[in-house]
C-alpha atoms as a PDB file:
ATOM      1  CA  MET A   1     -49.034 115.012 -27.885  1.00  0.00           C
ATOM      2  CA  SER A   2     -47.942 118.483 -29.047  1.00  0.00           C
ATOM      3  CA  ASN A   3     -50.410 121.011 -30.354  1.00  0.00           C
ATOM      4  CA  GLN A   4     -48.484 121.087 -33.623  1.00  0.00           C
ATOM      5  CA  LEU A   5     -49.143 117.397 -34.226  1.00  0.00           C
ATOM      6  CA  ILE A   6     -52.841 117.906 -33.558  1.00  0.00           C
ATOM      7  CA  ALA A   7     -52.900 120.830 -35.977  1.00  0.00           C
ATOM      8  CA  ASP A   8     -51.116 118.783 -38.640  1.00  0.00           C
ATOM      9  CA  GLY A   9     -53.582 115.968 -38.069  1.00  0.00           C
ATOM     10  CA  ILE A  10     -56.555 118.311 -38.453  1.00  0.00           C
ATOM     11  CA  LEU A  11     -55.046 119.603 -41.700  1.00  0.00           C
ATOM     12  CA  ALA A  12     -54.620 116.101 -43.117  1.00  0.00           C
ATOM     13  CA  GLY A  13     -58.006 115.023 -41.788  1.00  0.00           C
ATOM     14  CA  SER A  14     -59.697 117.985 -43.461  1.00  0.00           C
ATOM     15  CA  ILE A  15     -58.516 116.763 -46.852  1.00  0.00           C
ATOM     16  CA  TYR A  16     -59.477 113.189 -45.964  1.00  0.00           C
ATOM     17  CA  VAL A  17     -62.987 114.452 -45.184  1.00  0.00           C
ATOM     18  CA  LEU A  18     -63.477 115.573 -48.783  1.00  0.00           C
ATOM     19  CA  ILE A  19     -62.161 112.274 -50.138  1.00  0.00           C
ATOM     20  CA  ALA A  20     -64.237 110.149 -47.770  1.00  0.00           C
ATOM     21  CA  VAL A  21     -67.494 112.085 -48.178  1.00  0.00           C
ATOM     22  CA  GLY A  22     -67.060 112.104 -51.952  1.00  0.00           C
ATOM     23  CA  PHE A  23     -66.374 108.369 -52.014  1.00  0.00           C
ATOM     24  CA  ALA A  24     -69.306 107.593 -49.714  1.00  0.00           C
ATOM     25  CA  LEU A  25     -71.656 109.711 -51.803  1.00  0.00           C
ATOM     26  CA  ALA A  26     -70.548 108.105 -55.073  1.00  0.00           C
ATOM     27  CA  TYR A  27     -70.864 104.661 -53.497  1.00  0.00           C
ATOM     28  CA  ARG A  28     -74.428 105.360 -52.423  1.00  0.00           C
ATOM     29  CA  VAL A  29     -75.531 105.790 -56.040  1.00  0.00           C
ATOM     30  CA  SER A  30     -73.267 103.172 -57.657  1.00  0.00           C
ATOM     31  CA  HIS A  31     -73.021 100.469 -54.958  1.00  0.00           C
ATOM     32  CA  PHE A  32     -69.472  99.373 -55.717  1.00  0.00           C
ATOM     33  CA  PHE A  33     -65.975 100.351 -54.609  1.00  0.00           C
ATOM     34  CA  ASN A  34     -64.914 102.699 -57.400  1.00  0.00           C
ATOM     35  CA  PHE A  35     -61.120 102.897 -57.493  1.00  0.00           C
ATOM     36  CA  THR A  36     -61.270 105.639 -60.130  1.00  0.00           C
ATOM     37  CA  HIS A  37     -62.129 108.012 -57.282  1.00  0.00           C
ATOM     38  CA  GLY A  38     -58.393 107.986 -56.526  1.00  0.00           C
ATOM     39  CA  PHE A  39     -57.589 108.825 -60.152  1.00  0.00           C
ATOM     40  CA  VAL A  40     -59.975 111.798 -60.067  1.00  0.00           C
ATOM     41  CA  PHE A  41     -58.173 112.953 -56.907  1.00  0.00           C
ATOM     42  CA  THR A  42     -54.869 112.802 -58.802  1.00  0.00           C
ATOM     43  CA  LEU A  43     -56.333 114.736 -61.731  1.00  0.00           C
ATOM     44  CA  GLY A  44     -57.408 117.485 -59.337  1.00  0.00           C
ATOM     45  CA  ALA A  45     -53.791 117.946 -58.266  1.00  0.00           C
ATOM     46  CA  TYR A  46     -52.275 117.837 -61.744  1.00  0.00           C
ATOM     47  CA  GLN A  47     -54.762 120.231 -63.306  1.00  0.00           C
ATOM     48  CA  ALA A  48     -53.663 122.708 -60.627  1.00  0.00           C
ATOM     49  CA  TYR A  49     -50.081 122.193 -61.815  1.00  0.00           C
ATOM     50  CA  LEU A  50     -51.071 122.875 -65.424  1.00  0.00           C
ATOM     51  CA  ILE A  51     -53.023 126.034 -64.599  1.00  0.00           C
ATOM     52  CA  HIS A  52     -50.254 127.201 -62.280  1.00  0.00           C
ATOM     53  CA  ALA A  53     -47.777 126.862 -65.150  1.00  0.00           C
ATOM     54  CA  LEU A  54     -49.934 129.208 -67.254  1.00  0.00           C
ATOM     55  CA  VAL A  55     -51.193 131.659 -64.668  1.00  0.00           C
ATOM     56  CA  ASP A  56     -50.563 131.751 -60.920  1.00  0.00           C
ATOM     57  CA  SER A  57     -54.185 131.961 -59.792  1.00  0.00           C
ATOM     58  CA  PRO A  58     -55.356 129.746 -56.903  1.00  0.00           C
ATOM     59  CA  LEU A  59     -58.962 130.695 -57.717  1.00  0.00           C
ATOM     60  CA  LEU A  60     -58.685 129.375 -61.277  1.00  0.00           C
ATOM     61  CA  GLU A  61     -56.896 126.281 -59.975  1.00  0.00           C
ATOM     62  CA  CYS A  62     -59.720 125.664 -57.512  1.00  0.00           C
ATOM     63  CA  ILE A  63     -62.401 126.112 -60.171  1.00  0.00           C
ATOM     64  CA  GLY A  64     -60.410 123.864 -62.482  1.00  0.00           C
ATOM     65  CA  ALA A  65     -60.257 121.154 -59.821  1.00  0.00           C
ATOM     66  CA  LEU A  66     -64.031 121.214 -59.395  1.00  0.00           C
ATOM     67  CA  VAL A  67     -64.657 121.166 -63.153  1.00  0.00           C
ATOM     68  CA  VAL A  68     -62.085 118.472 -63.930  1.00  0.00           C
ATOM     69  CA  GLY A  69     -63.224 116.322 -61.019  1.00  0.00           C
ATOM     70  CA  THR A  70     -66.878 116.600 -62.024  1.00  0.00           C
ATOM     71  CA  PHE A  71     -66.434 115.840 -65.702  1.00  0.00           C
ATOM     72  CA  ALA A  72     -63.824 113.125 -65.151  1.00  0.00           C
ATOM     73  CA  ALA A  73     -66.146 111.306 -62.755  1.00  0.00           C
ATOM     74  CA  LEU A  74     -69.078 111.615 -65.167  1.00  0.00           C
ATOM     75  CA  LEU A  75     -66.988 110.443 -68.125  1.00  0.00           C
ATOM     76  CA  ILE A  76     -65.717 107.427 -66.216  1.00  0.00           C
ATOM     77  CA  SER A  77     -69.274 106.656 -65.165  1.00  0.00           C
ATOM     78  CA  GLU A  78     -70.376 106.699 -68.819  1.00  0.00           C
ATOM     79  CA  ILE A  79     -67.670 104.296 -69.958  1.00  0.00           C
ATOM     80  CA  LEU A  80     -67.608 102.085 -66.854  1.00  0.00           C
ATOM     81  CA  SER A  81     -70.629 102.170 -64.561  1.00  0.00           C
ATOM     82  CA  LYS A  82     -73.491 102.422 -67.022  1.00  0.00           C
ATOM     83  CA  PRO A  83     -72.412  99.589 -69.372  1.00  0.00           C
ATOM     84  CA  LEU A  84     -71.758  97.291 -66.410  1.00  0.00           C
ATOM     85  CA  LEU A  85     -75.075  98.233 -64.841  1.00  0.00           C
ATOM     86  CA  ARG A  86     -76.935  97.424 -68.038  1.00  0.00           C
ATOM     87  CA  ARG A  87     -75.247  94.015 -68.081  1.00  0.00           C
ATOM     88  CA  ARG A  88     -76.094  93.529 -64.397  1.00  0.00           C
ATOM     89  CA  ALA A  89     -72.429  93.009 -63.521  1.00  0.00           C
ATOM     90  CA  SER A  90     -71.624  92.106 -59.939  1.00  0.00           C
ATOM     91  CA  PRO A  91     -70.020  94.689 -57.602  1.00  0.00           C
ATOM     92  CA  LEU A  92     -66.799  92.648 -57.727  1.00  0.00           C
ATOM     93  CA  VAL A  93     -66.614  92.890 -61.521  1.00  0.00           C
ATOM     94  CA  SER A  94     -67.319  96.628 -61.364  1.00  0.00           C
ATOM     95  CA  MET A  95     -64.655  97.118 -58.705  1.00  0.00           C
ATOM     96  CA  LEU A  96     -62.022  95.235 -60.728  1.00  0.00           C
ATOM     97  CA  ALA A  97     -62.916  97.198 -63.860  1.00  0.00           C
ATOM     98  CA  SER A  98     -62.521 100.472 -61.956  1.00  0.00           C
ATOM     99  CA  LEU A  99     -59.158  99.288 -60.628  1.00  0.00           C
ATOM    100  CA  GLY A 100     -58.056  98.669 -64.208  1.00  0.00           C
ATOM    101  CA  ILE A 101     -59.060 102.183 -65.235  1.00  0.00           C
ATOM    102  CA  TYR A 102     -57.229 103.589 -62.226  1.00  0.00           C
ATOM    103  CA  VAL A 103     -54.003 101.779 -63.175  1.00  0.00           C
ATOM    104  CA  VAL A 104     -54.254 102.952 -66.790  1.00  0.00           C
ATOM    105  CA  GLY A 105     -54.967 106.519 -65.660  1.00  0.00           C
ATOM    106  CA  GLN A 106     -52.045 106.529 -63.230  1.00  0.00           C
ATOM    107  CA  ASN A 107     -49.692 105.317 -65.950  1.00  0.00           C
ATOM    108  CA  LEU A 108     -50.953 107.980 -68.355  1.00  0.00           C
ATOM    109  CA  VAL A 109     -50.252 110.677 -65.770  1.00  0.00           C
ATOM    110  CA  ALA A 110     -46.746 109.245 -65.278  1.00  0.00           C
ATOM    111  CA  ILE A 111     -46.143 109.253 -69.047  1.00  0.00           C
ATOM    112  CA  VAL A 112     -47.264 112.853 -69.465  1.00  0.00           C
ATOM    113  CA  PHE A 113     -45.737 114.396 -66.334  1.00  0.00           C
ATOM    114  CA  GLY A 114     -43.051 111.888 -65.382  1.00  0.00           C
ATOM    115  CA  ASP A 115     -42.640 109.889 -62.178  1.00  0.00           C
ATOM    116  CA  ARG A 116     -40.870 112.638 -60.239  1.00  0.00           C
ATOM    117  CA  SER A 117     -42.657 114.681 -57.604  1.00  0.00           C
ATOM    118  CA  LEU A 118     -43.979 118.063 -58.704  1.00  0.00           C
ATOM    119  CA  THR A 119     -45.034 121.083 -56.691  1.00  0.00           C
ATOM    120  CA  ILE A 120     -46.950 124.320 -57.160  1.00  0.00           C
ATOM    121  CA  HIS A 121     -46.138 125.991 -53.843  1.00  0.00           C
ATOM    122  CA  GLY A 122     -43.187 128.343 -53.747  1.00  0.00           C
ATOM    123  CA  PRO A 123     -39.842 127.695 -52.033  1.00  0.00           C
ATOM    124  CA  ALA A 124     -40.376 130.493 -49.489  1.00  0.00           C
ATOM    125  CA  VAL A 125     -41.190 129.316 -45.968  1.00  0.00           C
ATOM    126  CA  GLU A 126     -44.064 131.117 -44.270  1.00  0.00           C
ATOM    127  CA  SER A 127     -43.889 131.727 -40.531  1.00  0.00           C
ATOM    128  CA  GLY A 128     -47.570 130.910 -40.179  1.00  0.00           C
ATOM    129  CA  VAL A 129     -50.160 131.924 -37.619  1.00  0.00           C
ATOM    130  CA  ASP A 130     -49.783 130.858 -34.005  1.00  0.00           C
ATOM    131  CA  ILE A 131     -52.879 128.998 -32.754  1.00  0.00           C
ATOM    132  CA  PHE A 132     -52.590 127.549 -29.246  1.00  0.00           C
ATOM    133  CA  GLY A 133     -48.883 126.947 -29.734  1.00  0.00           C
ATOM    134  CA  ALA A 134     -49.244 125.394 -33.200  1.00  0.00           C
ATOM    135  CA  ARG A 135     -48.303 127.177 -36.404  1.00  0.00           C
ATOM    136  CA  LEU A 136     -50.373 126.949 -39.561  1.00  0.00           C
ATOM    137  CA  THR A 137     -49.841 128.941 -42.728  1.00  0.00           C
ATOM    138  CA  ILE A 138     -52.606 131.007 -44.296  1.00  0.00           C
ATOM    139  CA  VAL A 139     -52.883 128.413 -47.048  1.00  0.00           C
ATOM    140  CA  GLN A 140     -53.290 125.614 -44.510  1.00  0.00           C
ATOM    141  CA  LEU A 141     -55.966 127.547 -42.621  1.00  0.00           C
ATOM    142  CA  PHE A 142     -57.730 128.139 -45.931  1.00  0.00           C
ATOM    143  CA  ILE A 143     -57.607 124.402 -46.693  1.00  0.00           C
ATOM    144  CA  ILE A 144     -59.074 123.477 -43.298  1.00  0.00           C
ATOM    145  CA  GLY A 145     -61.834 126.070 -43.397  1.00  0.00           C
ATOM    146  CA  SER A 146     -62.785 125.449 -47.028  1.00  0.00           C
ATOM    147  CA  SER A 147     -62.774 121.672 -46.676  1.00  0.00           C
ATOM    148  CA  TRP A 148     -65.163 121.668 -43.747  1.00  0.00           C
ATOM    149  CA  LEU A 149     -67.372 124.359 -45.273  1.00  0.00           C
ATOM    150  CA  VAL A 150     -67.770 122.324 -48.458  1.00  0.00           C
ATOM    151  CA  ALA A 151     -68.258 119.045 -46.567  1.00  0.00           C
ATOM    152  CA  PHE A 152     -70.962 120.533 -44.330  1.00  0.00           C
ATOM    153  CA  ALA A 153     -72.683 122.093 -47.337  1.00  0.00           C
ATOM    154  CA  VAL A 154     -72.826 118.717 -49.079  1.00  0.00           C
ATOM    155  CA  MET A 155     -74.071 116.904 -45.970  1.00  0.00           C
ATOM    156  CA  PHE A 156     -76.686 119.570 -45.285  1.00  0.00           C
ATOM    157  CA  SER A 157     -77.946 119.487 -48.864  1.00  0.00           C
ATOM    158  CA  ILE A 158     -78.300 115.692 -48.764  1.00  0.00           C
ATOM    159  CA  TRP A 159     -80.684 116.035 -45.831  1.00  0.00           C
ATOM    160  CA  ILE A 160     -82.811 119.029 -46.855  1.00  0.00           C
ATOM    161  CA  THR A 161     -83.002 119.032 -50.665  1.00  0.00           C
ATOM    162  CA  ARG A 162     -85.193 117.010 -52.982  1.00  0.00           C
ATOM    163  CA  ILE A 163     -82.220 115.573 -54.831  1.00  0.00           C
ATOM    164  CA  GLY A 164     -80.735 114.544 -51.495  1.00  0.00           C
ATOM    165  CA  ALA A 165     -83.893 112.639 -50.613  1.00  0.00           C
ATOM    166  CA  GLN A 166     -83.759 110.964 -54.013  1.00  0.00           C
ATOM    167  CA  ILE A 167     -80.151 109.926 -53.440  1.00  0.00           C
ATOM    168  CA  ARG A 168     -81.137 108.372 -50.118  1.00  0.00           C
ATOM    169  CA  ALA A 169     -84.005 106.545 -51.799  1.00  0.00           C
ATOM    170  CA  LEU A 170     -81.714 105.283 -54.548  1.00  0.00           C
ATOM    171  CA  ASP A 171     -79.249 104.072 -51.955  1.00  0.00           C
ATOM    172  CA  ASN A 172     -81.916 102.171 -50.045  1.00  0.00           C
ATOM    173  CA  ASP A 173     -83.547 100.414 -53.010  1.00  0.00           C
ATOM    174  CA  ARG A 174     -82.756 101.245 -56.634  1.00  0.00           C
ATOM    175  CA  ALA A 175     -85.608  99.153 -58.051  1.00  0.00           C
ATOM    176  CA  LEU A 176     -88.175 100.729 -55.743  1.00  0.00           C
ATOM    177  CA  ALA A 177     -86.838 104.184 -56.567  1.00  0.00           C
ATOM    178  CA  GLU A 178     -87.496 103.502 -60.243  1.00  0.00           C
ATOM    179  CA  ILE A 179     -90.991 102.249 -59.510  1.00  0.00           C
ATOM    180  CA  VAL A 180     -91.988 105.414 -57.632  1.00  0.00           C
ATOM    181  CA  GLY A 181     -90.806 107.588 -60.513  1.00  0.00           C
ATOM    182  CA  ILE A 182     -87.422 108.839 -59.321  1.00  0.00           C
ATOM    183  CA  PRO A 183     -85.166 109.664 -62.311  1.00  0.00           C
ATOM    184  CA  VAL A 184     -82.548 107.158 -61.237  1.00  0.00           C
ATOM    185  CA  THR A 185     -80.070 107.899 -64.035  1.00  0.00           C
ATOM    186  CA  LYS A 186     -80.035 111.641 -63.374  1.00  0.00           C
ATOM    187  CA  VAL A 187     -79.854 111.203 -59.608  1.00  0.00           C
ATOM    188  CA  ALA A 188     -76.965 108.754 -59.922  1.00  0.00           C
ATOM    189  CA  ALA A 189     -75.144 111.126 -62.267  1.00  0.00           C
ATOM    190  CA  PHE A 190     -75.600 113.957 -59.764  1.00  0.00           C
ATOM    191  CA  GLY A 191     -74.157 111.859 -56.934  1.00  0.00           C
ATOM    192  CA  VAL A 192     -71.206 110.789 -59.076  1.00  0.00           C
ATOM    193  CA  ALA A 193     -70.580 114.385 -60.165  1.00  0.00           C
ATOM    194  CA  ILE A 194     -70.552 115.725 -56.588  1.00  0.00           C
ATOM    195  CA  GLY A 195     -68.294 112.882 -55.480  1.00  0.00           C
ATOM    196  CA  GLY A 196     -65.908 113.655 -58.338  1.00  0.00           C
ATOM    197  CA  ALA A 197     -65.914 117.371 -57.566  1.00  0.00           C
ATOM    198  CA  LEU A 198     -64.991 116.663 -53.933  1.00  0.00           C
ATOM    199  CA  ALA A 199     -62.181 114.319 -55.008  1.00  0.00           C
ATOM    200  CA  GLY A 200     -60.806 116.889 -57.454  1.00  0.00           C
ATOM    201  CA  LEU A 201     -60.979 119.617 -54.812  1.00  0.00           C
ATOM    202  CA  ALA A 202     -59.146 117.377 -52.327  1.00  0.00           C
ATOM    203  CA  GLY A 203     -56.428 116.831 -54.935  1.00  0.00           C
ATOM    204  CA  PHE A 204     -56.078 120.578 -55.435  1.00  0.00           C
ATOM    205  CA  PHE A 205     -55.816 121.215 -51.690  1.00  0.00           C
ATOM    206  CA  THR A 206     -53.163 118.509 -51.437  1.00  0.00           C
ATOM    207  CA  ALA A 207     -51.187 120.143 -54.242  1.00  0.00           C
ATOM    208  CA  LEU A 208     -51.385 123.503 -52.459  1.00  0.00           C
ATOM    209  CA  ASP A 209     -49.607 122.169 -49.390  1.00  0.00           C
ATOM    210  CA  LEU A 210     -47.634 119.107 -50.490  1.00  0.00           C
ATOM    211  CA  ASP A 211     -45.917 117.649 -53.533  1.00  0.00           C
ATOM    212  CA  MET A 212     -47.764 115.507 -56.062  1.00  0.00           C
ATOM    213  CA  ALA A 213     -46.893 112.217 -57.748  1.00  0.00           C
ATOM    214  CA  PRO A 214     -48.779 109.920 -60.167  1.00  0.00           C
ATOM    215  CA  ASN A 215     -49.369 107.288 -57.467  1.00  0.00           C
ATOM    216  CA  MET A 216     -50.777 109.730 -54.901  1.00  0.00           C
ATOM    217  CA  GLY A 217     -54.355 108.687 -55.575  1.00  0.00           C
ATOM    218  CA  MET A 218     -54.209 105.159 -54.190  1.00  0.00           C
ATOM    219  CA  ALA A 219     -53.108 106.119 -50.677  1.00  0.00           C
ATOM    220  CA  ALA A 220     -55.755 108.851 -50.538  1.00  0.00           C
ATOM    221  CA  LEU A 221     -58.423 106.469 -51.842  1.00  0.00           C
ATOM    222  CA  LEU A 222     -57.638 103.777 -49.285  1.00  0.00           C
ATOM    223  CA  ILE A 223     -57.874 106.308 -46.469  1.00  0.00           C
ATOM    224  CA  GLY A 224     -61.175 107.544 -47.880  1.00  0.00           C
ATOM    225  CA  ILE A 225     -62.521 103.996 -48.066  1.00  0.00           C
ATOM    226  CA  ALA A 226     -61.389 103.287 -44.501  1.00  0.00           C
ATOM    227  CA  ALA A 227     -63.117 106.434 -43.232  1.00  0.00           C
ATOM    228  CA  ALA A 228     -66.284 105.708 -45.220  1.00  0.00           C
ATOM    229  CA  ILE A 229     -66.537 102.186 -43.822  1.00  0.00           C
ATOM    230  CA  ALA A 230     -65.545 103.153 -40.291  1.00  0.00           C
ATOM    231  CA  GLY A 231     -68.110 105.957 -40.199  1.00  0.00           C
ATOM    232  CA  GLY A 232     -70.849 104.018 -41.939  1.00  0.00           C
ATOM    233  CA  ARG A 233     -71.225 105.102 -45.545  1.00  0.00           C
ATOM    234  CA  ARG A 234     -74.803 106.336 -45.059  1.00  0.00           C
ATOM    235  CA  ARG A 235     -73.876 108.643 -42.179  1.00  0.00           C
ATOM    236  CA  LEU A 236     -71.770 111.359 -43.768  1.00  0.00           C
ATOM    237  CA  ALA A 237     -71.281 113.168 -40.452  1.00  0.00           C
ATOM    238  CA  LEU A 238     -69.725 110.032 -38.936  1.00  0.00           C
ATOM    239  CA  VAL A 239     -67.699 109.504 -42.111  1.00  0.00           C
ATOM    240  CA  SER A 240     -66.302 113.026 -41.659  1.00  0.00           C
ATOM    241  CA  LEU A 241     -65.504 112.331 -38.004  1.00  0.00           C
ATOM    242  CA  ALA A 242     -63.740 109.084 -38.954  1.00  0.00           C
ATOM    243  CA  ALA A 243     -61.681 110.900 -41.597  1.00  0.00           C
ATOM    244  CA  LEU A 244     -60.651 113.560 -39.093  1.00  0.00           C
ATOM    245  CA  SER A 245     -59.776 110.873 -36.530  1.00  0.00           C
ATOM    246  CA  ILE A 246     -57.568 109.112 -39.062  1.00  0.00           C
ATOM    247  CA  GLY A 247     -55.732 112.342 -39.837  1.00  0.00           C
ATOM    248  CA  ILE A 248     -55.045 113.072 -36.168  1.00  0.00           C
ATOM    249  CA  ALA A 249     -54.127 109.451 -35.442  1.00  0.00           C
ATOM    250  CA  GLN A 250     -51.658 109.408 -38.324  1.00  0.00           C
ATOM    251  CA  SER A 251     -50.044 112.621 -37.126  1.00  0.00           C
ATOM    252  CA  ALA A 252     -49.833 111.381 -33.520  1.00  0.00           C
ATOM    253  CA  SER A 253     -48.433 108.015 -34.582  1.00  0.00           C
ATOM    254  CA  ILE A 254     -45.065 109.619 -35.242  1.00  0.00           C
ATOM    255  CA  PHE A 255     -44.329 108.992 -31.550  1.00  0.00           C
ATOM    256  CA  PHE A 256     -44.862 105.245 -31.939  1.00  0.00           C
ATOM    257  CA  VAL A 257     -44.131 104.128 -35.499  1.00  0.00           C
ATOM    258  CA  PRO A 258     -41.851 105.237 -38.345  1.00  0.00           C
ATOM    259  CA  ALA A 259     -43.324 107.643 -40.888  1.00  0.00           C
ATOM    260  CA  ALA A 260     -43.429 104.882 -43.525  1.00  0.00           C
ATOM    261  CA  TRP A 261     -46.059 103.067 -41.445  1.00  0.00           C
ATOM    262  CA  GLN A 262     -48.388 106.033 -40.977  1.00  0.00           C
ATOM    263  CA  GLU A 263     -50.735 104.961 -43.769  1.00  0.00           C
ATOM    264  CA  SER A 264     -51.467 101.742 -41.880  1.00  0.00           C
ATOM    265  CA  ILE A 265     -53.104 103.821 -39.133  1.00  0.00           C
ATOM    266  CA  ALA A 266     -56.161 104.221 -41.351  1.00  0.00           C
ATOM    267  CA  PHE A 267     -56.696 100.489 -41.364  1.00  0.00           C
ATOM    268  CA  ILE A 268     -56.146 100.186 -37.634  1.00  0.00           C
ATOM    269  CA  VAL A 269     -58.918 102.744 -37.169  1.00  0.00           C
ATOM    270  CA  LEU A 270     -61.037 100.767 -39.629  1.00  0.00           C
ATOM    271  CA  LEU A 271     -60.403  97.512 -37.764  1.00  0.00           C
ATOM    272  CA  LEU A 272     -61.335  99.069 -34.424  1.00  0.00           C
ATOM    273  CA  ALA A 273     -64.495 100.575 -35.913  1.00  0.00           C
ATOM    274  CA  LEU A 274     -65.574  97.283 -37.466  1.00  0.00           C
ATOM    275  CA  THR A 275     -64.857  95.448 -34.232  1.00  0.00           C
ATOM    276  CA  PHE A 276     -66.906  97.964 -32.254  1.00  0.00           C
ATOM    277  CA  GLN A 277     -69.760  97.825 -34.764  1.00  0.00           C
ATOM    278  CA  SER A 278     -69.790  94.022 -34.745  1.00  0.00           C
ATOM    279  CA  ARG A 279     -69.824  93.943 -30.947  1.00  0.00           C
ATOM    280  CA  ALA A 280     -72.614  96.529 -30.836  1.00  0.00           C
ATOM    281  CA  ASN A 281     -74.660  94.505 -33.318  1.00  0.00           C
ATOM    282  CA  PHE A 282     -74.083  91.359 -31.256  1.00  0.00           C
ATOM    283  CA  LEU A 283     -75.193  93.055 -28.054  1.00  0.00           C
ATOM    284  CA  THR A 284     -78.302  94.587 -29.597  1.00  0.00           C
ATOM    285  CA  ALA A 285     -79.384  91.679 -31.832  1.00  0.00           C
ATOM    286  CA  PRO A 286     -82.356  89.641 -30.525  1.00  0.00           C
ATOM    287  CA  ARG A 287     -81.522  86.164 -29.314  1.00  0.00           C
ATOM    288  CA  ALA A 288     -82.948  83.237 -31.258  1.00  0.00           C
ATOM    289  CA  ASP A 289     -84.317  81.638 -28.082  1.00  0.00           C
ATOM    290  CA  ALA A 290     -85.871  84.859 -26.764  1.00  0.00           C
END
């Protein structure tokens, strides 16, 4: 495998890390597969396009991605999660409702911006920086460094802060968390907001390096879900490692499969992880006749 393929895989995996960690965090406070996470990712990319059309400022585009992602996730939570939670809807019902909102949101983006691919990066080709025989542009290095810095900051805060401890308690047992006085509604909103901010930021980083299209959110979401499950949703460090592994595996797969099949690599990684986890559970589980 060439160093360039590894570098490309690390770049893709760095964006997947934000998507996967954001999805895992939002899942921990909502307990259902929220497909609108992919829509928030798409909004992060398209807000960058809008700001870029007004003023070419990556800083404003980045701030816009965080703001749009945060408020979009909170708004969707208000109109989707909370009403369903009050009615004690099953996770399946919540998941299907979120899928409906995702489809509507994707169509709205297509109506406003069209189905064609859009871009915010210029036509000029940068030579890039040589790193162990691989070339990465300054923008790509910024994406990698920023993605991991943000991901580590989120993971670290979950372990050392009070709100992080409350999120873990809410994930373990929502009813018990309420009994002991944890402000469940506020904690859940915080988790959803951070998850949305990470999704919006991932969308912005994608727009910086690649083109954008209204349907871009679903592929990113599925990869994020695969990484979250493969890494174990409660272990954000392993989720990050799974996301990075998927990025590198997809990049390396060019030697074995056509580019159109690269997205399936995420599910191969997921299948292997689930198989390994099931085997580990079987080997460590106590025998009934012991």
